[in-house]
Amino acid sequence: MKHELFNLALCEFAKAIDESLLPQTTISSLGLKLAVKAYPEFKLLLKSHSDPTNIEVFASALRYFMLSEFNYEPIIANASNDRIRLVVKKCPFQEHNSPSLCSVMQGIVGGLTLMSLGYCKLATLSGPERAPKPCYIDLFTSPTPEAKKQAGFEYSKETISLLQKPDDESVALQRQSRRKIALGLFGSIALSLHDQPTEEVIGNKYIEALSCVQEIRAAALYLKEFNTGRFVLTSHFGLPDDILPAIRTIGIKDNSSDDNNESLLEIVERFDIHQQAIMRRTGIRSFTSIRLKTPDKIIGVLNIGWKTRFPTSFEMQNAITDSCMLMAALIDNCRLHLELKETHFRLEKAYIDAITLINNLINALDQCLERHSKRVAELAEAIAVKLNLPQGEINRLYQAAFLHDIGKVNIPPEILSKSSQLTEEEYKIIKTHPIVGAELLAPIPAFQSIIPAVLYHHERLDGSGYPEGLAGSDIPLHARIIAVADSFDAMTSDRPYRKGMSKETAISELVKDSGAKYDTAVVKALLEVLKEQEAKGDRTPAECYSNNRQALITTHR
């Protein structure tokens, strides 16, 4: 009768704890304190056996001790060198369905295991919420990889030392521990900021940090798809897999000007539909929904399932709420950054289209120039193949060669089409086209790698070229290749003021200036290309090396 009255009083006390804001870590520490007090007697019981370090001997002694002292009977389901699976056959509190009493009993079991074997991590496989089914507990007796993977409470000697301190100091240290967990919520967001994180990475890091809060049984983060208005499950922990499809996407009314929580009701209600099933499966006793909100819109919703009827301490509540505000701001920034990238891409595409239009305009004004650009591009490409350049470089060289004269858009048509010799002043205007071409291409990131070839394709090895008078290896290789291809095609093409040279004469001019004005290796590669061209029927470079290109400009990224 005394035991029954004591158990009844204890259960009533436990109910008050269940409804309180007391963290589960603190409740479990009550069991650890009892374990510290009971350990000397348990140690004597162990010593009475021939091999007290044997796992099965330990489990048998634990069963006897817990049954005789607390009317609580954990028996071995199976055991190995580093794990004991216990099934609670008898528990005086099972009918009361109290998580707090369960935590106290588990604290005693974990504490006795730690002090006897040197290590303990306790993972509950099923708890009193599944009554009348038995409670299964895994006791890991060494820090194996499997133990590290399991969600549970790890008992340490530091924990025991903490409990042996005066109560005021113990409480202060526990509060400090909770503050570290709270700071961890902000730290998880900070860690996610490396390498331009996506909103999924930020959410996953935050949910991972929430899983370390002992009072939280499960959490689900929903982020809003602004094109559909739905809230989509992005990250979660603690929820059974077979329930996820039913709560994967949720649509709610988004009244962003109204700060009432009524806009979250549909999410809460959707959870409530499955609440009994979730509670039976996970031990959740209450739910909280926190809106992730910026000043002008809702970004998402965080649903938390608590182990207690009421949420955790006000410190932790504030930490979660404030970190959710920070997470909302970061996710919103991620989305804005993505929108800016997409806008930049569209602007860049529009600029590329404009460059293409300008190039087409020049070619329309001067049909000879159009054919010249194509021939130079094809010939430069063929030279690059002979020089064994990588395909990526060859593609960029083709772009640069095709656009090498785009700066001529700034030259008056009467100068471009003049049938007599150019004056000195007119030649100065012609010499500005490499600089103008580079300036036209400069705003486009995709064209940055081809600008040097466009700018310096009229430079010569002896420094006699323009616009900067570069010499030797200071001239980029792509510019040296275009210089040879451009010069050969210019020499052999008819112009309004002169007839084109023969191929043989042009080759003689290039060979004569090889090493002085033109790169020797490039000239040699050109001769090989022309020799192959002649063997194929004396076709033009455009005919021989055409790659059936369908676009005037192939954007390189």
Protein backbone atom coordinates (compact mmCIF):
# COMPACT_ATOMS: atom_id res chain seq x y z
CA MET A 1 0.00 0.00 0.00
CA LYS A 2 2.89 2.35 0.87
CA HIS A 3 4.53 1.68 -2.50
CA GLU A 4 1.25 2.24 -4.32
CA LEU A 5 0.64 5.58 -2.58
CA PHE A 6 4.24 6.63 -3.18
CA ASN A 7 4.00 5.69 -6.87
CA LEU A 8 0.71 7.56 -7.17
CA ALA A 9 2.23 10.68 -5.60
CA LEU A 10 5.28 10.35 -7.83
CA CYS A 11 3.12 10.05 -10.92
CA GLU A 12 1.13 13.14 -10.00
CA PHE A 13 4.40 14.98 -9.55
CA ALA A 14 5.55 13.66 -12.95
CA LYS A 15 2.37 14.95 -14.60
CA ALA A 16 3.19 18.42 -13.32
CA ILE A 17 6.68 18.08 -14.81
CA ASP A 18 5.22 16.86 -18.10
CA GLU A 19 3.12 20.01 -18.34
CA SER A 20 5.99 22.29 -17.27
CA LEU A 21 8.69 24.05 -19.23
CA LEU A 22 11.40 21.96 -17.53
CA PRO A 23 13.78 20.57 -20.18
CA GLN A 24 14.02 16.81 -20.63
CA THR A 25 17.79 17.00 -20.02
CA THR A 26 17.07 18.31 -16.53
CA ILE A 27 14.50 15.56 -15.88
CA SER A 28 16.97 12.90 -17.05
CA SER A 29 19.57 14.37 -14.70
CA LEU A 30 17.26 13.53 -11.77
CA GLY A 31 17.70 9.89 -12.71
CA LEU A 32 21.47 10.40 -12.96
CA LYS A 33 21.51 11.84 -9.44
CA LEU A 34 19.68 8.78 -8.17
CA ALA A 35 22.21 6.60 -10.03
CA VAL A 36 25.12 8.39 -8.32
CA LYS A 37 23.53 7.73 -4.92
CA ALA A 38 22.70 4.11 -5.76
CA TYR A 39 25.99 3.18 -7.44
CA PRO A 40 27.93 2.10 -4.28
CA GLU A 41 25.27 -0.50 -3.55
CA PHE A 42 25.09 -1.59 -7.20
CA LYS A 43 28.90 -1.87 -7.28
CA LEU A 44 28.82 -4.31 -4.35
CA LEU A 45 26.22 -6.35 -6.23
CA LEU A 46 28.48 -6.50 -9.29
CA LYS A 47 31.52 -7.52 -7.25
CA SER A 48 29.63 -10.50 -5.93
CA HIS A 49 29.84 -12.02 -9.42
CA SER A 50 32.96 -13.77 -10.71
CA ASP A 51 33.28 -11.54 -13.85
CA PRO A 52 31.67 -8.13 -13.16
CA THR A 53 32.86 -6.69 -16.52
CA ASN A 54 31.00 -9.33 -18.55
CA ILE A 55 28.13 -7.70 -20.49
CA GLU A 56 25.58 -10.38 -19.65
CA VAL A 57 26.62 -10.38 -15.97
CA PHE A 58 26.23 -6.60 -15.90
CA ALA A 59 22.81 -6.75 -17.56
CA SER A 60 21.62 -9.44 -15.17
CA ALA A 61 22.78 -7.39 -12.15
CA LEU A 62 21.12 -4.28 -13.60
CA ARG A 63 17.82 -6.14 -13.99
CA TYR A 64 17.93 -7.43 -10.40
CA PHE A 65 18.91 -4.07 -8.92
CA MET A 66 16.34 -2.00 -10.81
CA LEU A 67 13.56 -4.49 -10.01
CA SER A 68 14.35 -4.66 -6.30
CA GLU A 69 14.94 -0.94 -5.79
CA PHE A 70 12.53 0.70 -8.25
CA ASN A 71 10.13 -2.06 -9.30
CA TYR A 72 11.46 -1.49 -12.84
CA GLU A 73 12.56 -4.57 -14.79
CA PRO A 74 14.75 -4.19 -17.91
CA ILE A 75 15.68 -7.60 -19.34
CA ILE A 76 18.13 -8.48 -22.12
CA ALA A 77 16.66 -8.91 -25.58
CA ASN A 78 20.13 -9.39 -27.10
CA ALA A 79 23.67 -8.24 -26.37
CA SER A 80 27.10 -7.82 -27.99
CA ASN A 81 30.43 -6.47 -26.77
CA ASP A 82 29.39 -2.85 -27.27
CA ARG A 83 25.57 -2.83 -27.26
CA ILE A 84 22.82 -4.17 -24.99
CA ARG A 85 19.22 -4.15 -26.14
CA LEU A 86 16.84 -4.06 -23.20
CA VAL A 87 13.09 -4.57 -23.13
CA VAL A 88 11.28 -3.13 -20.12
CA LYS A 89 9.14 -6.00 -18.95
CA LYS A 90 7.84 -4.26 -15.86
CA CYS A 91 7.39 -0.57 -15.13
CA PRO A 92 5.26 0.75 -12.27
CA PHE A 93 4.60 3.96 -14.21
CA GLN A 94 3.69 2.52 -17.61
CA GLU A 95 -0.04 3.02 -17.16
CA HIS A 96 0.54 6.72 -16.43
CA ASN A 97 2.17 7.25 -19.84
CA SER A 98 4.63 9.83 -18.48
CA PRO A 99 7.72 10.84 -20.52
CA SER A 100 9.23 12.40 -17.41
CA LEU A 101 9.12 9.18 -15.37
CA CYS A 102 10.52 7.32 -18.34
CA SER A 103 13.38 9.85 -18.51
CA VAL A 104 14.10 9.42 -14.79
CA MET A 105 14.26 5.61 -15.08
CA GLN A 106 16.43 5.83 -18.17
CA GLY A 107 18.69 8.30 -16.35
CA ILE A 108 19.24 5.71 -13.59
CA VAL A 109 19.98 2.96 -16.12
CA GLY A 110 22.33 5.21 -18.12
CA GLY A 111 24.14 6.45 -15.02
CA LEU A 112 24.74 2.96 -13.63
CA THR A 113 26.00 1.79 -17.03
CA LEU A 114 28.40 4.74 -17.34
CA MET A 115 29.86 4.33 -13.86
CA SER A 116 30.19 0.56 -14.28
CA LEU A 117 31.50 0.28 -17.85
CA GLY A 118 33.02 3.72 -18.47
CA TYR A 119 30.72 4.78 -21.34
CA CYS A 120 27.01 4.88 -22.11
CA LYS A 121 24.81 6.19 -24.86
CA LEU A 122 21.12 5.45 -24.40
CA ALA A 123 18.79 5.34 -27.40
CA THR A 124 15.07 4.75 -26.90
CA LEU A 125 13.56 2.65 -29.66
CA SER A 126 10.01 2.96 -28.35
CA GLY A 127 8.75 4.73 -25.28
CA PRO A 128 5.72 4.86 -22.97
CA GLU A 129 3.66 6.58 -25.66
CA ARG A 130 3.36 3.11 -27.19
CA ALA A 131 1.85 1.55 -24.07
CA PRO A 132 0.80 -1.13 -23.45
CA LYS A 133 3.59 -2.26 -25.79
CA PRO A 134 6.96 -2.67 -24.02
CA CYS A 135 9.70 -0.07 -24.05
CA TYR A 136 12.88 -1.00 -25.95
CA ILE A 137 16.21 0.61 -25.07
CA ASP A 138 19.63 0.33 -26.71
CA LEU A 139 22.58 0.77 -24.32
CA PHE A 140 25.82 1.43 -26.20
CA THR A 141 28.76 0.63 -23.93
CA SER A 142 31.51 2.02 -26.18
CA PRO A 143 31.63 4.96 -28.64
CA THR A 144 31.38 2.91 -31.83
CA PRO A 145 30.42 4.41 -35.24
CA GLU A 146 26.96 2.84 -34.80
CA ALA A 147 26.61 4.58 -31.42
CA LYS A 148 27.57 7.90 -32.95
CA LYS A 149 24.90 7.52 -35.64
CA GLN A 150 22.07 6.82 -33.19
CA ALA A 151 20.02 9.66 -31.80
CA GLY A 152 20.09 9.46 -28.03
CA PHE A 153 21.57 10.80 -24.81
CA GLU A 154 25.32 10.29 -24.28
CA TYR A 155 26.27 10.03 -20.64
CA SER A 156 29.76 11.21 -19.72
CA LYS A 157 31.95 11.51 -16.66
CA GLU A 158 31.66 15.29 -17.04
CA THR A 159 27.88 14.88 -16.59
CA ILE A 160 28.43 12.97 -13.36
CA SER A 161 30.90 15.61 -12.15
CA LEU A 162 28.32 18.27 -12.93
CA LEU A 163 25.66 16.52 -10.86
CA GLN A 164 28.00 16.16 -7.91
CA LYS A 165 28.42 19.94 -7.72
CA PRO A 166 26.17 22.09 -5.50
CA ASP A 167 22.66 22.48 -6.91
CA ASP A 168 22.99 26.20 -7.70
CA GLU A 169 26.22 25.63 -9.61
CA SER A 170 24.71 22.61 -11.34
CA VAL A 171 21.68 24.59 -12.48
CA ALA A 172 23.92 27.44 -13.70
CA LEU A 173 26.05 25.03 -15.72
CA GLN A 174 22.97 23.40 -17.22
CA ARG A 175 21.70 26.81 -18.26
CA GLN A 176 25.10 27.52 -19.78
CA SER A 177 24.82 24.22 -21.69
CA ARG A 178 21.39 25.23 -23.01
CA ARG A 179 22.79 28.61 -24.08
CA LYS A 180 25.49 26.77 -26.07
CA ILE A 181 22.76 24.80 -27.83
CA ALA A 182 20.91 28.04 -28.53
CA LEU A 183 24.07 29.62 -29.93
CA GLY A 184 24.49 26.48 -32.01
CA LEU A 185 21.27 27.38 -33.85
CA PHE A 186 22.85 30.64 -35.00
CA GLY A 187 26.19 28.91 -35.58
CA SER A 188 24.53 26.39 -37.90
CA ILE A 189 23.24 29.23 -40.05
CA ALA A 190 26.67 30.88 -40.06
CA LEU A 191 28.34 27.61 -41.12
CA SER A 192 25.90 27.26 -44.00
CA LEU A 193 27.07 30.57 -45.50
CA HIS A 194 30.25 29.09 -47.00
CA ASP A 195 30.46 28.60 -50.77
CA GLN A 196 27.30 30.55 -51.72
CA PRO A 197 24.76 28.23 -50.05
CA THR A 198 21.36 27.40 -51.45
CA GLU A 199 18.22 27.76 -49.36
CA GLU A 200 18.14 23.95 -49.02
CA VAL A 201 21.64 23.94 -47.47
CA ILE A 202 20.68 26.67 -44.98
CA GLY A 203 17.50 24.76 -44.03
CA ASN A 204 19.28 21.44 -43.64
CA LYS A 205 21.98 22.93 -41.39
CA TYR A 206 19.34 24.57 -39.21
CA ILE A 207 17.23 21.41 -38.85
CA GLU A 208 20.40 19.49 -38.02
CA ALA A 209 21.05 21.96 -35.18
CA LEU A 210 17.44 21.69 -33.95
CA SER A 211 17.84 17.92 -33.65
CA CYS A 212 20.38 18.58 -30.86
CA VAL A 213 17.74 20.29 -28.70
CA GLN A 214 16.68 17.56 -26.25
CA GLU A 215 13.14 18.86 -25.85
CA ILE A 216 12.37 18.63 -29.58
CA ARG A 217 11.15 15.28 -30.84
CA ALA A 218 10.64 16.27 -34.49
CA ALA A 219 10.82 19.31 -36.77
CA ALA A 220 9.73 20.11 -40.33
CA LEU A 221 10.80 23.13 -42.37
CA TYR A 222 8.51 24.32 -45.19
CA LEU A 223 9.66 26.88 -47.74
CA LYS A 224 7.29 28.70 -50.03
CA GLU A 225 7.34 28.23 -53.78
CA PHE A 226 6.39 31.69 -55.00
CA ASN A 227 5.37 30.51 -58.43
CA THR A 228 2.76 28.08 -56.97
CA GLY A 229 2.05 29.56 -53.52
CA ARG A 230 2.56 26.13 -51.94
CA PHE A 231 4.69 25.43 -48.90
CA VAL A 232 7.02 22.51 -49.66
CA LEU A 233 8.73 20.30 -47.09
CA THR A 234 12.42 21.13 -47.48
CA SER A 235 14.07 19.52 -44.46
CA HIS A 236 12.94 17.53 -41.44
CA PHE A 237 13.92 15.11 -38.71
CA GLY A 238 12.04 12.74 -36.43
CA LEU A 239 9.00 12.18 -38.67
CA PRO A 240 8.11 8.65 -39.87
CA ASP A 241 8.79 8.15 -43.57
CA ASP A 242 5.31 6.80 -44.35
CA ILE A 243 3.67 9.99 -43.02
CA LEU A 244 5.82 12.34 -45.15
CA PRO A 245 3.81 12.02 -48.41
CA ALA A 246 0.68 13.31 -46.65
CA ILE A 247 2.44 16.44 -45.37
CA ARG A 248 4.95 17.00 -48.21
CA THR A 249 3.22 20.05 -49.71
CA ILE A 250 0.73 22.39 -48.09
CA GLY A 251 -1.08 25.45 -49.45
CA ILE A 252 -2.00 28.23 -47.03
CA LYS A 253 -3.45 31.69 -47.34
CA ASP A 254 -0.60 34.19 -47.41
CA ASN A 255 -1.88 37.43 -45.98
CA SER A 256 1.49 39.07 -45.66
CA SER A 257 0.06 42.33 -44.37
CA ASP A 258 -1.65 40.52 -41.50
CA ASP A 259 0.62 39.38 -38.69
CA ASN A 260 -1.95 37.03 -37.15
CA ASN A 261 -1.06 33.36 -36.90
CA GLU A 262 -4.39 32.46 -38.54
CA SER A 263 -2.59 32.23 -41.89
CA LEU A 264 -0.74 29.25 -40.46
CA LEU A 265 -3.85 27.38 -39.38
CA GLU A 266 -4.02 25.17 -42.44
CA ILE A 267 -0.50 23.90 -41.83
CA VAL A 268 -1.26 23.24 -38.18
CA GLU A 269 -4.56 21.58 -39.08
CA ARG A 270 -2.88 19.45 -41.70
CA PHE A 271 -0.52 18.25 -39.02
CA ASP A 272 -3.45 17.77 -36.66
CA ILE A 273 -5.07 15.34 -39.12
CA HIS A 274 -2.09 13.07 -38.63
CA GLN A 275 -1.28 14.21 -35.11
CA GLN A 276 -2.47 11.07 -33.34
CA ALA A 277 -0.47 8.86 -35.69
CA ILE A 278 2.59 11.09 -35.34
CA MET A 279 2.24 11.15 -31.54
CA ARG A 280 1.92 7.39 -31.36
CA ARG A 281 4.97 6.94 -33.56
CA THR A 282 7.23 9.66 -32.18
CA GLY A 283 6.11 10.62 -28.67
CA ILE A 284 5.29 14.23 -29.66
CA ARG A 285 2.98 15.82 -27.09
CA SER A 286 2.55 19.30 -28.60
CA PHE A 287 3.18 21.24 -31.82
CA THR A 288 4.40 24.77 -32.50
CA SER A 289 4.42 26.61 -35.82
CA ILE A 290 6.80 29.51 -36.36
CA ARG A 291 6.46 31.73 -39.39
CA LEU A 292 9.65 32.56 -41.31
CA LYS A 293 8.86 36.09 -42.34
CA THR A 294 10.61 39.09 -43.83
CA PRO A 295 9.09 42.58 -43.53
CA ASP A 296 7.04 42.11 -46.71
CA LYS A 297 6.40 38.37 -47.18
CA ILE A 298 6.29 34.89 -45.69
CA ILE A 299 9.30 32.78 -46.68
CA GLY A 300 8.30 29.58 -44.94
CA VAL A 301 7.06 27.84 -41.80
CA LEU A 302 8.89 25.81 -39.17
CA ASN A 303 6.80 23.16 -37.40
CA ILE A 304 8.22 21.75 -34.16
CA GLY A 305 6.99 18.70 -32.27
CA TRP A 306 7.84 18.84 -28.55
CA LYS A 307 8.35 15.98 -26.12
CA THR A 308 6.39 17.97 -23.50
CA ARG A 309 2.86 19.34 -23.47
CA PHE A 310 4.31 22.86 -23.51
CA PRO A 311 7.41 24.14 -25.29
CA THR A 312 10.86 24.50 -23.74
CA SER A 313 12.30 27.38 -21.71
CA PHE A 314 11.71 30.97 -22.74
CA GLU A 315 15.46 31.28 -23.51
CA MET A 316 15.27 28.46 -26.03
CA GLN A 317 11.97 29.72 -27.45
CA ASN A 318 13.52 33.15 -28.05
CA ALA A 319 16.63 31.58 -29.57
CA ILE A 320 14.54 29.53 -32.00
CA THR A 321 12.31 32.48 -32.92
CA ASP A 322 15.25 34.86 -33.44
CA SER A 323 17.25 32.30 -35.43
CA CYS A 324 14.19 31.70 -37.62
CA MET A 325 14.09 35.43 -38.39
CA LEU A 326 17.76 35.30 -39.36
CA MET A 327 17.19 32.18 -41.47
CA ALA A 328 14.27 33.87 -43.26
CA ALA A 329 16.47 36.86 -44.11
CA LEU A 330 19.26 34.63 -45.44
CA ILE A 331 16.93 32.49 -47.53
CA ASP A 332 15.32 35.63 -48.93
CA ASN A 333 18.80 36.94 -49.80
CA CYS A 334 19.61 33.63 -51.51
CA ARG A 335 16.49 33.97 -53.63
CA LEU A 336 17.22 37.60 -54.45
CA HIS A 337 20.77 36.63 -55.44
CA LEU A 338 19.37 33.94 -57.73
CA GLU A 339 16.93 36.43 -59.26
CA LEU A 340 19.78 38.88 -59.82
CA LYS A 341 21.83 36.17 -61.51
CA GLU A 342 18.91 35.34 -63.79
CA THR A 343 18.39 39.04 -64.55
CA HIS A 344 22.10 39.44 -65.23
CA PHE A 345 21.97 36.43 -67.56
CA ARG A 346 19.05 37.94 -69.47
CA LEU A 347 20.84 41.30 -69.74
CA GLU A 348 24.02 39.56 -70.87
CA LYS A 349 22.08 37.62 -73.50
CA ALA A 350 20.47 40.85 -74.69
CA TYR A 351 23.92 42.46 -74.96
CA ILE A 352 25.26 39.45 -76.87
CA ASP A 353 22.29 39.76 -79.21
CA ALA A 354 23.14 43.43 -79.65
CA ILE A 355 26.78 42.58 -80.46
CA THR A 356 25.56 40.03 -82.99
CA LEU A 357 23.28 42.65 -84.51
CA ILE A 358 26.15 45.14 -84.74
CA ASN A 359 28.34 42.52 -86.39
CA ASN A 360 25.56 41.71 -88.83
CA LEU A 361 25.12 45.43 -89.54
CA ILE A 362 28.80 45.83 -90.37
CA ASN A 363 28.67 42.81 -92.62
CA ALA A 364 25.54 44.11 -94.31
CA LEU A 365 27.35 47.38 -95.07
CA ASP A 366 30.39 45.53 -96.35
CA GLN A 367 29.77 42.08 -97.86
CA CYS A 368 33.52 41.62 -98.31
CA LEU A 369 34.01 42.13 -94.59
CA GLU A 370 31.40 39.46 -93.79
CA ARG A 371 33.17 36.88 -95.92
CA HIS A 372 36.52 38.05 -94.51
CA SER A 373 35.37 37.50 -90.87
CA LYS A 374 34.19 33.97 -91.63
CA ARG A 375 37.35 33.06 -93.52
CA VAL A 376 39.64 34.41 -90.81
CA ALA A 377 37.69 32.54 -88.12
CA GLU A 378 37.82 29.25 -90.03
CA LEU A 379 41.51 29.65 -90.93
CA ALA A 380 42.46 30.59 -87.33
CA GLU A 381 40.58 27.52 -86.11
CA ALA A 382 42.46 25.27 -88.54
CA ILE A 383 45.82 26.75 -87.43
CA ALA A 384 44.90 26.16 -83.78
CA VAL A 385 44.15 22.50 -84.55
CA LYS A 386 47.62 22.16 -86.11
CA LEU A 387 49.13 23.71 -82.97
CA ASN A 388 47.29 21.10 -80.85
CA LEU A 389 45.47 23.69 -78.74
CA PRO A 390 42.74 22.39 -76.39
CA GLN A 391 39.21 22.41 -77.80
CA GLY A 392 38.07 25.08 -75.35
CA GLU A 393 40.81 27.42 -76.57
CA ILE A 394 39.95 26.66 -80.19
CA ASN A 395 36.31 27.61 -79.55
CA ARG A 396 37.34 30.90 -77.93
CA LEU A 397 39.77 31.63 -80.76
CA TYR A 398 36.99 31.11 -83.33
CA GLN A 399 34.81 33.63 -81.47
CA ALA A 400 37.60 36.18 -81.27
CA ALA A 401 38.51 35.76 -84.95
CA PHE A 402 34.92 36.09 -86.07
CA LEU A 403 34.49 39.31 -84.05
CA HIS A 404 38.00 40.70 -84.57
CA ASP A 405 36.76 43.57 -86.79
CA ILE A 406 33.58 44.43 -84.84
CA GLY A 407 35.17 47.76 -83.82
CA LYS A 408 34.81 48.92 -87.42
CA VAL A 409 31.21 49.81 -86.56
CA ASN A 410 32.68 53.13 -85.44
CA ILE A 411 34.36 53.81 -88.80
CA PRO A 412 32.44 55.84 -91.41
CA PRO A 413 31.24 53.67 -94.35
CA GLU A 414 32.92 55.99 -96.86
CA ILE A 415 36.31 55.14 -95.33
CA LEU A 416 35.60 51.40 -95.24
CA SER A 417 34.53 51.33 -98.89
CA LYS A 418 37.01 53.92 -100.22
CA SER A 419 38.38 52.86 -103.62
CA SER A 420 41.58 54.92 -103.43
CA GLN A 421 44.51 54.88 -101.01
CA LEU A 422 43.66 55.99 -97.44
CA THR A 423 45.00 59.28 -96.15
CA GLU A 424 47.11 59.34 -92.98
CA GLU A 425 44.14 60.72 -91.02
CA GLU A 426 41.82 58.03 -92.36
CA TYR A 427 44.37 55.34 -91.49
CA LYS A 428 44.48 56.66 -87.92
CA ILE A 429 40.70 56.19 -87.74
CA ILE A 430 41.02 52.65 -89.10
CA LYS A 431 43.61 51.86 -86.39
CA THR A 432 41.08 52.62 -83.64
CA HIS A 433 38.91 49.59 -84.46
CA PRO A 434 40.71 47.08 -82.13
CA ILE A 435 40.16 49.38 -79.14
CA VAL A 436 36.52 50.04 -80.05
CA GLY A 437 35.94 46.30 -80.50
CA ALA A 438 37.42 45.52 -77.06
CA GLU A 439 35.26 48.24 -75.49
CA LEU A 440 32.13 46.81 -77.09
CA LEU A 441 32.87 43.33 -75.72
CA ALA A 442 34.07 44.47 -72.26
CA PRO A 443 30.64 44.60 -70.50
CA ILE A 444 29.97 40.90 -71.26
CA PRO A 445 31.61 38.45 -68.78
CA ALA A 446 31.30 35.65 -71.36
CA PHE A 447 33.57 37.59 -73.75
CA GLN A 448 36.31 38.53 -71.26
CA SER A 449 38.60 35.72 -72.43
CA ILE A 450 38.49 36.79 -76.09
CA ILE A 451 39.03 40.54 -75.60
CA PRO A 452 42.89 40.36 -75.69
CA ALA A 453 42.81 38.58 -79.06
CA VAL A 454 40.43 41.21 -80.49
CA LEU A 455 42.44 44.09 -79.02
CA TYR A 456 45.90 42.90 -80.10
CA HIS A 457 45.33 41.14 -83.45
CA HIS A 458 47.17 43.98 -85.28
CA GLU A 459 50.25 43.84 -83.01
CA ARG A 460 53.48 42.55 -84.60
CA LEU A 461 56.46 40.69 -83.06
CA ASP A 462 58.87 43.55 -83.79
CA GLY A 463 56.65 46.10 -82.03
CA SER A 464 55.56 47.82 -85.24
CA GLY A 465 51.86 47.02 -84.78
CA TYR A 466 49.02 48.79 -83.04
CA PRO A 467 47.25 49.85 -80.80
CA GLU A 468 49.94 49.47 -78.06
CA GLY A 469 53.06 48.45 -79.95
CA LEU A 470 53.46 45.16 -78.07
CA ALA A 471 56.32 42.89 -79.08
CA GLY A 472 57.31 39.22 -78.91
CA SER A 473 55.68 37.02 -76.27
CA ASP A 474 53.80 40.01 -74.82
CA ILE A 475 51.34 39.51 -77.66
CA PRO A 476 48.78 36.80 -76.69
CA LEU A 477 48.98 33.59 -78.76
CA HIS A 478 45.39 33.93 -79.99
CA ALA A 479 46.16 37.43 -81.26
CA ARG A 480 49.29 36.11 -83.07
CA ILE A 481 47.19 33.40 -84.75
CA ILE A 482 44.52 35.88 -85.87
CA ALA A 483 47.24 38.23 -87.12
CA VAL A 484 48.55 35.55 -89.52
CA ALA A 485 45.09 34.40 -90.66
CA ASP A 486 43.88 38.01 -91.03
CA SER A 487 46.95 39.08 -93.00
CA PHE A 488 46.80 36.10 -95.35
CA ASP A 489 43.13 36.61 -96.12
CA ALA A 490 43.57 40.39 -96.53
CA MET A 491 46.47 39.86 -98.95
CA THR A 492 44.58 37.35 -101.09
CA SER A 493 41.24 39.19 -101.13
CA ASP A 494 40.13 41.86 -103.58
CA ARG A 495 39.56 45.27 -102.04
CA PRO A 496 37.92 48.40 -103.58
CA TYR A 497 41.36 49.99 -104.01
CA ARG A 498 43.38 46.93 -105.19
CA LYS A 499 43.30 43.39 -106.53
CA GLY A 500 44.18 40.53 -104.21
CA MET A 501 47.58 38.83 -104.35
CA SER A 502 48.01 35.26 -105.49
CA LYS A 503 48.20 32.64 -102.78
CA GLU A 504 51.90 32.03 -103.57
CA THR A 505 52.79 35.72 -103.27
CA ALA A 506 50.95 36.03 -99.96
CA ILE A 507 52.74 32.96 -98.61
CA SER A 508 56.10 34.45 -99.67
CA GLU A 509 55.29 37.69 -97.81
CA LEU A 510 54.36 35.82 -94.63
CA VAL A 511 57.42 33.56 -94.76
CA LYS A 512 59.66 36.62 -95.36
CA ASP A 513 58.25 38.32 -92.23
CA SER A 514 58.14 35.11 -90.16
CA GLY A 515 60.02 35.66 -86.91
CA ALA A 516 60.04 39.43 -87.46
CA LYS A 517 56.37 40.36 -87.65
CA TYR A 518 54.62 37.00 -87.47
CA ASP A 519 55.00 34.05 -85.14
CA THR A 520 57.14 31.39 -86.85
CA ALA A 521 55.19 28.41 -85.45
CA VAL A 522 51.89 29.98 -86.51
CA VAL A 523 53.15 30.66 -90.07
CA LYS A 524 54.40 27.06 -90.27
CA ALA A 525 50.96 25.79 -89.15
CA LEU A 526 49.32 28.00 -91.80
CA LEU A 527 51.51 26.48 -94.52
CA GLU A 528 50.45 22.99 -93.42
CA VAL A 529 46.79 24.03 -93.54
CA LEU A 530 47.19 25.53 -97.02
CA LYS A 531 49.02 22.46 -98.26
CA GLU A 532 46.15 20.24 -97.07
CA GLN A 533 43.69 22.70 -98.63
CA GLU A 534 45.46 22.42 -101.97
CA ALA A 535 45.43 18.61 -101.75
CA LYS A 536 41.65 18.74 -101.26
CA GLY A 537 41.03 20.60 -104.46
CA ASP A 538 42.28 24.14 -103.87
CA ARG A 539 39.19 25.13 -101.98
CA THR A 540 38.98 28.25 -99.86
CA PRO A 541 39.52 28.05 -96.10
CA ALA A 542 35.81 28.74 -95.52
CA GLU A 543 34.92 25.74 -97.67
CA CYS A 544 37.62 23.45 -96.25
CA TYR A 545 37.21 24.10 -92.54
CA SER A 546 33.55 24.97 -92.15
CA ASN A 547 31.98 23.25 -89.15
CA ASN A 548 28.39 23.93 -90.23
CA ARG A 549 28.11 26.65 -87.58
CA GLN A 550 24.52 27.79 -87.30
CA ALA A 551 25.10 30.87 -85.11
CA LEU A 552 27.37 33.83 -85.70
CA ILE A 553 28.44 33.82 -82.05
CA THR A 554 28.73 30.77 -79.81
CA THR A 555 28.70 32.06 -76.26
CA HIS A 556 31.59 30.72 -74.22
CA ARG A 557 31.27 30.48 -70.45
